[in-house]
Amino acid sequence: MMRVKLTVAYDGTAYHGWQFQKNANTIEAELNRHLSELLQEDIQVIGASRTDAGVHALCNIAVFDTHTQMPADKISYALNQRLPEDIRIQDSRRVAADFHPRKCKSIKIYEYKIWRGTFPMPTVRLYSHFMYTPLNVEWMREAAAYLEGKHDFKSFCSEDSQAESTVRTIYGIDLVEAGNMLTIRISGNGFLYNMVRIIAGTLVECGKGRLPAEKMPDILEACDRQAAGPTMPARGLTLVEYHFP
């Protein structure tokens, strides 16, 4: 028996998120089905980040156990011949039998992209959220600075989350402008359900001038979802880096 780690990239547009669901197409279901057919045994992957419906990833992590004699580094080549074009394995390798991606320290980096213009741009419509309303990016940066560090992010978590603790650490939030595209890049030790999309929505409210940056500490202290801004649409969000320090 060996444990194999996969680095998985996918366009989440056509999927109902990562996690297996009855009567819905998910990334996890596709991996389980094609791995089971390839290796001729029942395979159930364990995912590191349970991304929501419509969210994308460059590097989500999954592990599974197998009796196969196929070398771990060759599984990626064989599996990619079977997977749909919007899912591709970037790396496969053998790891320790007790390696569990959700139970060890990690650093995740997400990017939320906003396309700003008079009209939408068709070529980026699946990977960014379109806004025609002007945003003051400096106000957004001021607000983002209050969120860095270790805090209780209950106000920035979906109310139906089942997380045991809502305390997380944000290592940094950068706002990068490149032409019409504004990218909110957030790194942390873990994220709650919808947390990045709610942070993005709250920063947008600051950028519109509807919410002063200095109100961010009050929102954190409130521990109330209603205190923060809206949840931004899923298509603008991508998991871009995953590290195990």
C-alpha atoms as a PDB file:
ATOM      1  CA  MET A   1       0.000   0.000   0.000  1.00  0.00           C
ATOM      2  CA  MET A   2       1.293   3.471  -0.827  1.00  0.00           C
ATOM      3  CA  ARG A   3      -0.114   6.965  -0.357  1.00  0.00           C
ATOM      4  CA  VAL A   4       0.017   9.238  -3.406  1.00  0.00           C
ATOM      5  CA  LYS A   5      -0.262  13.036  -3.404  1.00  0.00           C
ATOM      6  CA  LEU A   6      -1.798  14.763  -6.407  1.00  0.00           C
ATOM      7  CA  THR A   7      -1.509  18.430  -7.325  1.00  0.00           C
ATOM      8  CA  VAL A   8      -4.741  19.204  -9.157  1.00  0.00           C
ATOM      9  CA  ALA A   9      -5.548  22.160 -11.425  1.00  0.00           C
ATOM     10  CA  TYR A  10      -9.086  22.761 -12.606  1.00  0.00           C
ATOM     11  CA  ASP A  11     -11.529  25.212 -14.119  1.00  0.00           C
ATOM     12  CA  GLY A  12     -14.426  25.030 -11.678  1.00  0.00           C
ATOM     13  CA  THR A  13     -17.020  26.572 -13.996  1.00  0.00           C
ATOM     14  CA  ALA A  14     -18.838  23.322 -14.799  1.00  0.00           C
ATOM     15  CA  TYR A  15     -18.574  21.759 -11.339  1.00  0.00           C
ATOM     16  CA  HIS A  16     -20.501  21.952  -8.076  1.00  0.00           C
ATOM     17  CA  GLY A  17     -17.318  22.424  -6.117  1.00  0.00           C
ATOM     18  CA  TRP A  18     -14.694  19.969  -4.954  1.00  0.00           C
ATOM     19  CA  GLN A  19     -16.543  17.761  -2.489  1.00  0.00           C
ATOM     20  CA  PHE A  20     -18.539  14.720  -3.602  1.00  0.00           C
ATOM     21  CA  GLN A  21     -22.295  15.285  -3.855  1.00  0.00           C
ATOM     22  CA  LYS A  22     -25.077  12.949  -4.915  1.00  0.00           C
ATOM     23  CA  ASN A  23     -26.583  13.905  -8.278  1.00  0.00           C
ATOM     24  CA  ALA A  24     -23.991  16.650  -8.899  1.00  0.00           C
ATOM     25  CA  ASN A  25     -20.725  16.713 -10.831  1.00  0.00           C
ATOM     26  CA  THR A  26     -17.740  17.571  -8.623  1.00  0.00           C
ATOM     27  CA  ILE A  27     -13.947  17.516  -8.899  1.00  0.00           C
ATOM     28  CA  GLU A  28     -13.660  14.843  -6.211  1.00  0.00           C
ATOM     29  CA  ALA A  29     -16.177  12.611  -7.995  1.00  0.00           C
ATOM     30  CA  GLU A  30     -14.269  12.874 -11.280  1.00  0.00           C
ATOM     31  CA  LEU A  31     -10.979  11.976  -9.598  1.00  0.00           C
ATOM     32  CA  ASN A  32     -12.490   9.029  -7.722  1.00  0.00           C
ATOM     33  CA  ARG A  33     -14.135   7.627 -10.843  1.00  0.00           C
ATOM     34  CA  HIS A  34     -11.163   7.897 -13.166  1.00  0.00           C
ATOM     35  CA  LEU A  35      -8.607   6.758 -10.596  1.00  0.00           C
ATOM     36  CA  SER A  36     -10.734   3.716  -9.753  1.00  0.00           C
ATOM     37  CA  GLU A  37     -11.000   2.798 -13.446  1.00  0.00           C
ATOM     38  CA  LEU A  38      -7.282   3.378 -14.025  1.00  0.00           C
ATOM     39  CA  LEU A  39      -6.005   1.440 -11.017  1.00  0.00           C
ATOM     40  CA  GLN A  40      -8.761  -1.192 -10.954  1.00  0.00           C
ATOM     41  CA  GLU A  41      -9.572  -0.643  -7.275  1.00  0.00           C
ATOM     42  CA  ASP A  42     -11.889   1.571  -5.239  1.00  0.00           C
ATOM     43  CA  ILE A  43     -10.162   4.935  -4.805  1.00  0.00           C
ATOM     44  CA  GLN A  44     -11.453   7.709  -2.534  1.00  0.00           C
ATOM     45  CA  VAL A  45      -9.305  10.836  -2.548  1.00  0.00           C
ATOM     46  CA  ILE A  46      -8.885  13.184   0.413  1.00  0.00           C
ATOM     47  CA  GLY A  47      -8.888  16.828  -0.690  1.00  0.00           C
ATOM     48  CA  ALA A  48      -6.995  19.611   1.037  1.00  0.00           C
ATOM     49  CA  SER A  49      -9.260  22.521   0.093  1.00  0.00           C
ATOM     50  CA  ARG A  50     -12.981  21.987  -0.470  1.00  0.00           C
ATOM     51  CA  THR A  51     -13.482  24.753  -3.002  1.00  0.00           C
ATOM     52  CA  ASP A  52     -17.025  25.934  -3.704  1.00  0.00           C
ATOM     53  CA  ALA A  53     -19.033  25.597  -6.898  1.00  0.00           C
ATOM     54  CA  GLY A  54     -17.474  27.688  -9.658  1.00  0.00           C
ATOM     55  CA  VAL A  55     -14.158  28.262  -7.860  1.00  0.00           C
ATOM     56  CA  HIS A  56     -10.941  27.436  -9.727  1.00  0.00           C
ATOM     57  CA  ALA A  57      -7.574  26.041  -8.628  1.00  0.00           C
ATOM     58  CA  LEU A  58      -4.045  25.851  -9.964  1.00  0.00           C
ATOM     59  CA  CYS A  59      -2.762  23.575  -7.230  1.00  0.00           C
ATOM     60  CA  ASN A  60      -5.318  21.926  -4.984  1.00  0.00           C
ATOM     61  CA  ILE A  61      -3.948  18.906  -3.157  1.00  0.00           C
ATOM     62  CA  ALA A  62      -5.436  15.423  -2.877  1.00  0.00           C
ATOM     63  CA  VAL A  63      -4.097  12.151  -1.486  1.00  0.00           C
ATOM     64  CA  PHE A  64      -5.224   8.540  -1.842  1.00  0.00           C
ATOM     65  CA  ASP A  65      -4.063   5.057  -0.915  1.00  0.00           C
ATOM     66  CA  THR A  66      -3.469   2.377  -3.520  1.00  0.00           C
ATOM     67  CA  HIS A  67      -2.102  -1.137  -4.010  1.00  0.00           C
ATOM     68  CA  THR A  68      -1.009  -0.384  -7.578  1.00  0.00           C
ATOM     69  CA  GLN A  69       2.454  -1.274  -8.864  1.00  0.00           C
ATOM     70  CA  MET A  70       2.425   1.795 -11.103  1.00  0.00           C
ATOM     71  CA  PRO A  71       5.109   4.305  -9.991  1.00  0.00           C
ATOM     72  CA  ALA A  72       3.502   7.281  -8.245  1.00  0.00           C
ATOM     73  CA  ASP A  73       5.108   9.820 -10.575  1.00  0.00           C
ATOM     74  CA  LYS A  74       3.602   8.074 -13.618  1.00  0.00           C
ATOM     75  CA  ILE A  75       0.032   8.198 -12.327  1.00  0.00           C
ATOM     76  CA  SER A  76      -0.328  11.842 -13.380  1.00  0.00           C
ATOM     77  CA  TYR A  77       0.435  10.974 -17.018  1.00  0.00           C
ATOM     78  CA  ALA A  78      -2.002   8.069 -17.116  1.00  0.00           C
ATOM     79  CA  LEU A  79      -4.762   9.913 -15.255  1.00  0.00           C
ATOM     80  CA  ASN A  80      -4.565  12.983 -17.475  1.00  0.00           C
ATOM     81  CA  GLN A  81      -5.363  10.772 -20.473  1.00  0.00           C
ATOM     82  CA  ARG A  82      -8.740  10.005 -18.850  1.00  0.00           C
ATOM     83  CA  LEU A  83      -9.788  13.222 -17.127  1.00  0.00           C
ATOM     84  CA  PRO A  84     -11.899  15.902 -18.846  1.00  0.00           C
ATOM     85  CA  GLU A  85      -9.955  18.825 -20.277  1.00  0.00           C
ATOM     86  CA  ASP A  86     -10.944  21.184 -17.453  1.00  0.00           C
ATOM     87  CA  ILE A  87      -9.139  19.027 -14.853  1.00  0.00           C
ATOM     88  CA  ARG A  88      -5.413  18.296 -15.075  1.00  0.00           C
ATOM     89  CA  ILE A  89      -2.968  16.711 -12.634  1.00  0.00           C
ATOM     90  CA  GLN A  90       0.162  18.842 -12.368  1.00  0.00           C
ATOM     91  CA  ASP A  91       2.167  16.408 -10.236  1.00  0.00           C
ATOM     92  CA  SER A  92       1.859  12.996  -8.582  1.00  0.00           C
ATOM     93  CA  ARG A  93       4.280  11.601  -6.026  1.00  0.00           C
ATOM     94  CA  ARG A  94       4.535   9.146  -3.167  1.00  0.00           C
ATOM     95  CA  VAL A  95       4.274  10.585   0.357  1.00  0.00           C
ATOM     96  CA  ALA A  96       4.434   9.208   3.887  1.00  0.00           C
ATOM     97  CA  ALA A  97       1.547   6.914   4.851  1.00  0.00           C
ATOM     98  CA  ASP A  98       0.409   9.341   7.570  1.00  0.00           C
ATOM     99  CA  PHE A  99       0.504  12.487   5.408  1.00  0.00           C
ATOM    100  CA  HIS A 100      -2.899  14.225   5.552  1.00  0.00           C
ATOM    101  CA  PRO A 101      -3.190  17.605   3.762  1.00  0.00           C
ATOM    102  CA  ARG A 102      -5.857  18.949   6.131  1.00  0.00           C
ATOM    103  CA  LYS A 103      -4.051  17.936   9.320  1.00  0.00           C
ATOM    104  CA  CYS A 104      -0.637  19.502   8.788  1.00  0.00           C
ATOM    105  CA  LYS A 105       0.520  23.110   8.742  1.00  0.00           C
ATOM    106  CA  SER A 106       0.100  24.795   5.399  1.00  0.00           C
ATOM    107  CA  ILE A 107       0.028  28.140   3.646  1.00  0.00           C
ATOM    108  CA  LYS A 108      -2.729  28.760   1.109  1.00  0.00           C
ATOM    109  CA  ILE A 109      -2.827  31.662  -1.298  1.00  0.00           C
ATOM    110  CA  TYR A 110      -6.035  32.677  -3.054  1.00  0.00           C
ATOM    111  CA  GLU A 111      -6.589  35.371  -5.650  1.00  0.00           C
ATOM    112  CA  TYR A 112      -9.868  37.149  -6.283  1.00  0.00           C
ATOM    113  CA  LYS A 113      -9.973  38.999  -9.611  1.00  0.00           C
ATOM    114  CA  ILE A 114     -12.178  41.959 -10.490  1.00  0.00           C
ATOM    115  CA  TRP A 115     -12.401  43.285 -14.061  1.00  0.00           C
ATOM    116  CA  ARG A 116     -13.181  46.998 -14.018  1.00  0.00           C
ATOM    117  CA  GLY A 117     -14.485  48.697 -17.123  1.00  0.00           C
ATOM    118  CA  THR A 118     -17.433  50.206 -18.926  1.00  0.00           C
ATOM    119  CA  PHE A 119     -18.357  46.809 -20.356  1.00  0.00           C
ATOM    120  CA  PRO A 120     -17.440  43.187 -19.531  1.00  0.00           C
ATOM    121  CA  MET A 121     -14.524  41.481 -21.287  1.00  0.00           C
ATOM    122  CA  PRO A 122     -15.628  38.082 -22.665  1.00  0.00           C
ATOM    123  CA  THR A 123     -12.182  36.467 -22.452  1.00  0.00           C
ATOM    124  CA  VAL A 124     -11.958  36.891 -18.666  1.00  0.00           C
ATOM    125  CA  ARG A 125     -15.632  36.418 -17.790  1.00  0.00           C
ATOM    126  CA  LEU A 126     -15.133  32.913 -16.323  1.00  0.00           C
ATOM    127  CA  TYR A 127     -12.235  33.889 -14.064  1.00  0.00           C
ATOM    128  CA  SER A 128     -13.123  37.356 -12.766  1.00  0.00           C
ATOM    129  CA  HIS A 129     -16.052  39.409 -11.509  1.00  0.00           C
ATOM    130  CA  PHE A 130     -17.040  42.385 -13.657  1.00  0.00           C
ATOM    131  CA  MET A 131     -17.669  45.782 -12.047  1.00  0.00           C
ATOM    132  CA  TYR A 132     -18.357  49.123 -13.696  1.00  0.00           C
ATOM    133  CA  THR A 133     -18.500  51.020 -10.386  1.00  0.00           C
ATOM    134  CA  PRO A 134     -15.225  52.899  -9.675  1.00  0.00           C
ATOM    135  CA  LEU A 135     -13.176  51.582  -6.740  1.00  0.00           C
ATOM    136  CA  ASN A 136     -10.705  53.505  -4.598  1.00  0.00           C
ATOM    137  CA  VAL A 137      -7.964  50.892  -4.280  1.00  0.00           C
ATOM    138  CA  GLU A 138      -6.078  52.843  -1.613  1.00  0.00           C
ATOM    139  CA  TRP A 139      -9.122  52.722   0.660  1.00  0.00           C
ATOM    140  CA  MET A 140      -9.285  48.980   0.045  1.00  0.00           C
ATOM    141  CA  ARG A 141      -5.605  48.585   0.969  1.00  0.00           C
ATOM    142  CA  GLU A 142      -6.132  50.517   4.197  1.00  0.00           C
ATOM    143  CA  ALA A 143      -9.026  48.241   5.125  1.00  0.00           C
ATOM    144  CA  ALA A 144      -7.122  45.065   4.201  1.00  0.00           C
ATOM    145  CA  ALA A 145      -4.269  45.941   6.571  1.00  0.00           C
ATOM    146  CA  TYR A 146      -6.621  45.593   9.566  1.00  0.00           C
ATOM    147  CA  LEU A 147      -7.314  41.955   8.645  1.00  0.00           C
ATOM    148  CA  GLU A 148      -3.712  40.791   8.649  1.00  0.00           C
ATOM    149  CA  GLY A 149      -2.623  38.707  11.642  1.00  0.00           C
ATOM    150  CA  LYS A 150      -4.455  36.248  13.866  1.00  0.00           C
ATOM    151  CA  HIS A 151      -8.148  37.059  14.394  1.00  0.00           C
ATOM    152  CA  ASP A 152     -11.535  35.492  14.915  1.00  0.00           C
ATOM    153  CA  PHE A 153     -13.010  35.698  11.398  1.00  0.00           C
ATOM    154  CA  LYS A 154     -16.538  34.639  12.303  1.00  0.00           C
ATOM    155  CA  SER A 155     -17.897  37.816  10.681  1.00  0.00           C
ATOM    156  CA  PHE A 156     -16.237  36.710   7.431  1.00  0.00           C
ATOM    157  CA  CYS A 157     -17.615  33.172   7.466  1.00  0.00           C
ATOM    158  CA  SER A 158     -20.816  31.784   5.974  1.00  0.00           C
ATOM    159  CA  GLU A 159     -23.427  31.235   8.668  1.00  0.00           C
ATOM    160  CA  ASP A 160     -23.841  27.563   7.758  1.00  0.00           C
ATOM    161  CA  SER A 161     -20.160  26.774   8.309  1.00  0.00           C
ATOM    162  CA  GLN A 162     -19.416  23.767  10.521  1.00  0.00           C
ATOM    163  CA  ALA A 163     -15.887  24.832  11.479  1.00  0.00           C
ATOM    164  CA  GLU A 164     -14.927  24.016  15.078  1.00  0.00           C
ATOM    165  CA  SER A 165     -12.961  27.267  15.355  1.00  0.00           C
ATOM    166  CA  THR A 166     -13.262  30.500  13.378  1.00  0.00           C
ATOM    167  CA  VAL A 167      -9.801  31.771  14.367  1.00  0.00           C
ATOM    168  CA  ARG A 168      -7.418  32.011  11.424  1.00  0.00           C
ATOM    169  CA  THR A 169      -4.158  33.811  10.587  1.00  0.00           C
ATOM    170  CA  ILE A 170      -3.830  36.023   7.510  1.00  0.00           C
ATOM    171  CA  TYR A 171      -0.195  36.484   6.522  1.00  0.00           C
ATOM    172  CA  GLY A 172      -0.834  39.164   3.942  1.00  0.00           C
ATOM    173  CA  ILE A 173      -3.375  40.810   1.650  1.00  0.00           C
ATOM    174  CA  ASP A 174      -2.070  42.517  -1.491  1.00  0.00           C
ATOM    175  CA  LEU A 175      -4.092  44.434  -4.061  1.00  0.00           C
ATOM    176  CA  VAL A 176      -2.439  44.433  -7.484  1.00  0.00           C
ATOM    177  CA  GLU A 177      -3.624  46.519 -10.428  1.00  0.00           C
ATOM    178  CA  ALA A 178      -2.772  45.499 -13.987  1.00  0.00           C
ATOM    179  CA  GLY A 179      -4.751  47.545 -16.473  1.00  0.00           C
ATOM    180  CA  ASN A 180      -8.443  46.884 -15.905  1.00  0.00           C
ATOM    181  CA  MET A 181      -7.791  43.850 -13.693  1.00  0.00           C
ATOM    182  CA  LEU A 182      -7.659  44.234  -9.921  1.00  0.00           C
ATOM    183  CA  THR A 183      -6.363  41.184  -8.056  1.00  0.00           C
ATOM    184  CA  ILE A 184      -6.899  40.699  -4.331  1.00  0.00           C
ATOM    185  CA  ARG A 185      -4.220  38.217  -3.221  1.00  0.00           C
ATOM    186  CA  ILE A 186      -4.687  36.685   0.238  1.00  0.00           C
ATOM    187  CA  SER A 187      -2.326  34.268   2.012  1.00  0.00           C
ATOM    188  CA  GLY A 188      -3.142  32.496   5.258  1.00  0.00           C
ATOM    189  CA  ASN A 189      -2.907  29.318   7.276  1.00  0.00           C
ATOM    190  CA  GLY A 190      -6.454  28.343   6.356  1.00  0.00           C
ATOM    191  CA  PHE A 191      -9.770  29.828   5.317  1.00  0.00           C
ATOM    192  CA  LEU A 192     -13.349  29.424   6.488  1.00  0.00           C
ATOM    193  CA  TYR A 193     -16.345  28.697   4.273  1.00  0.00           C
ATOM    194  CA  ASN A 194     -16.692  31.641   1.827  1.00  0.00           C
ATOM    195  CA  MET A 195     -14.117  33.615   3.846  1.00  0.00           C
ATOM    196  CA  VAL A 196     -12.074  34.933   0.916  1.00  0.00           C
ATOM    197  CA  ARG A 197     -15.156  35.891  -1.074  1.00  0.00           C
ATOM    198  CA  ILE A 198     -16.638  37.733   1.942  1.00  0.00           C
ATOM    199  CA  ILE A 199     -13.347  39.550   2.561  1.00  0.00           C
ATOM    200  CA  ALA A 200     -13.310  40.562  -1.104  1.00  0.00           C
ATOM    201  CA  GLY A 201     -16.912  41.773  -0.876  1.00  0.00           C
ATOM    202  CA  THR A 202     -16.143  43.803   2.246  1.00  0.00           C
ATOM    203  CA  LEU A 203     -13.085  45.395   0.653  1.00  0.00           C
ATOM    204  CA  VAL A 204     -15.191  46.299  -2.381  1.00  0.00           C
ATOM    205  CA  GLU A 205     -17.646  48.100  -0.075  1.00  0.00           C
ATOM    206  CA  CYS A 206     -14.678  50.064   1.264  1.00  0.00           C
ATOM    207  CA  GLY A 207     -13.515  50.818  -2.276  1.00  0.00           C
ATOM    208  CA  LYS A 208     -16.956  52.164  -3.134  1.00  0.00           C
ATOM    209  CA  GLY A 209     -16.849  54.480  -0.114  1.00  0.00           C
ATOM    210  CA  ARG A 210     -19.762  52.754   1.592  1.00  0.00           C
ATOM    211  CA  LEU A 211     -17.657  51.397   4.445  1.00  0.00           C
ATOM    212  CA  PRO A 212     -14.775  53.300   6.116  1.00  0.00           C
ATOM    213  CA  ALA A 213     -11.546  51.322   6.413  1.00  0.00           C
ATOM    214  CA  GLU A 214     -11.337  52.050  10.147  1.00  0.00           C
ATOM    215  CA  LYS A 215     -14.543  50.046  10.675  1.00  0.00           C
ATOM    216  CA  MET A 216     -12.749  46.764   9.991  1.00  0.00           C
ATOM    217  CA  PRO A 217     -11.750  46.150  13.645  1.00  0.00           C
ATOM    218  CA  ASP A 218     -15.399  46.632  14.649  1.00  0.00           C
ATOM    219  CA  ILE A 219     -16.496  44.071  12.044  1.00  0.00           C
ATOM    220  CA  LEU A 220     -13.978  41.546  13.375  1.00  0.00           C
ATOM    221  CA  GLU A 221     -15.046  42.147  16.958  1.00  0.00           C
ATOM    222  CA  ALA A 222     -18.741  41.774  16.130  1.00  0.00           C
ATOM    223  CA  CYS A 223     -18.338  38.068  15.204  1.00  0.00           C
ATOM    224  CA  ASP A 224     -21.511  38.524  13.158  1.00  0.00           C
ATOM    225  CA  ARG A 225     -21.821  37.678   9.458  1.00  0.00           C
ATOM    226  CA  GLN A 226     -24.272  40.554   8.989  1.00  0.00           C
ATOM    227  CA  ALA A 227     -21.568  43.056   9.970  1.00  0.00           C
ATOM    228  CA  ALA A 228     -19.364  42.284   6.944  1.00  0.00           C
ATOM    229  CA  GLY A 229     -19.918  42.903   3.257  1.00  0.00           C
ATOM    230  CA  PRO A 230     -21.525  40.657   0.604  1.00  0.00           C
ATOM    231  CA  THR A 231     -20.151  37.356  -0.663  1.00  0.00           C
ATOM    232  CA  MET A 232     -18.587  37.918  -4.074  1.00  0.00           C
ATOM    233  CA  PRO A 233     -19.421  35.525  -6.962  1.00  0.00           C
ATOM    234  CA  ALA A 234     -17.388  32.308  -7.067  1.00  0.00           C
ATOM    235  CA  ARG A 235     -15.975  32.675 -10.598  1.00  0.00           C
ATOM    236  CA  GLY A 236     -13.493  35.363  -9.555  1.00  0.00           C
ATOM    237  CA  LEU A 237     -11.749  33.105  -7.023  1.00  0.00           C
ATOM    238  CA  THR A 238      -8.755  30.848  -7.703  1.00  0.00           C
ATOM    239  CA  LEU A 239      -6.536  28.838  -5.358  1.00  0.00           C
ATOM    240  CA  VAL A 240      -3.116  29.762  -6.774  1.00  0.00           C
ATOM    241  CA  GLU A 241      -0.534  28.390  -4.298  1.00  0.00           C
ATOM    242  CA  TYR A 242      -0.399  25.694  -1.612  1.00  0.00           C
ATOM    243  CA  HIS A 243       2.671  25.192   0.564  1.00  0.00           C
ATOM    244  CA  PHE A 244       3.574  22.802   3.357  1.00  0.00           C
ATOM    245  CA  PRO A 245       6.348  24.593   5.288  1.00  0.00           C
END
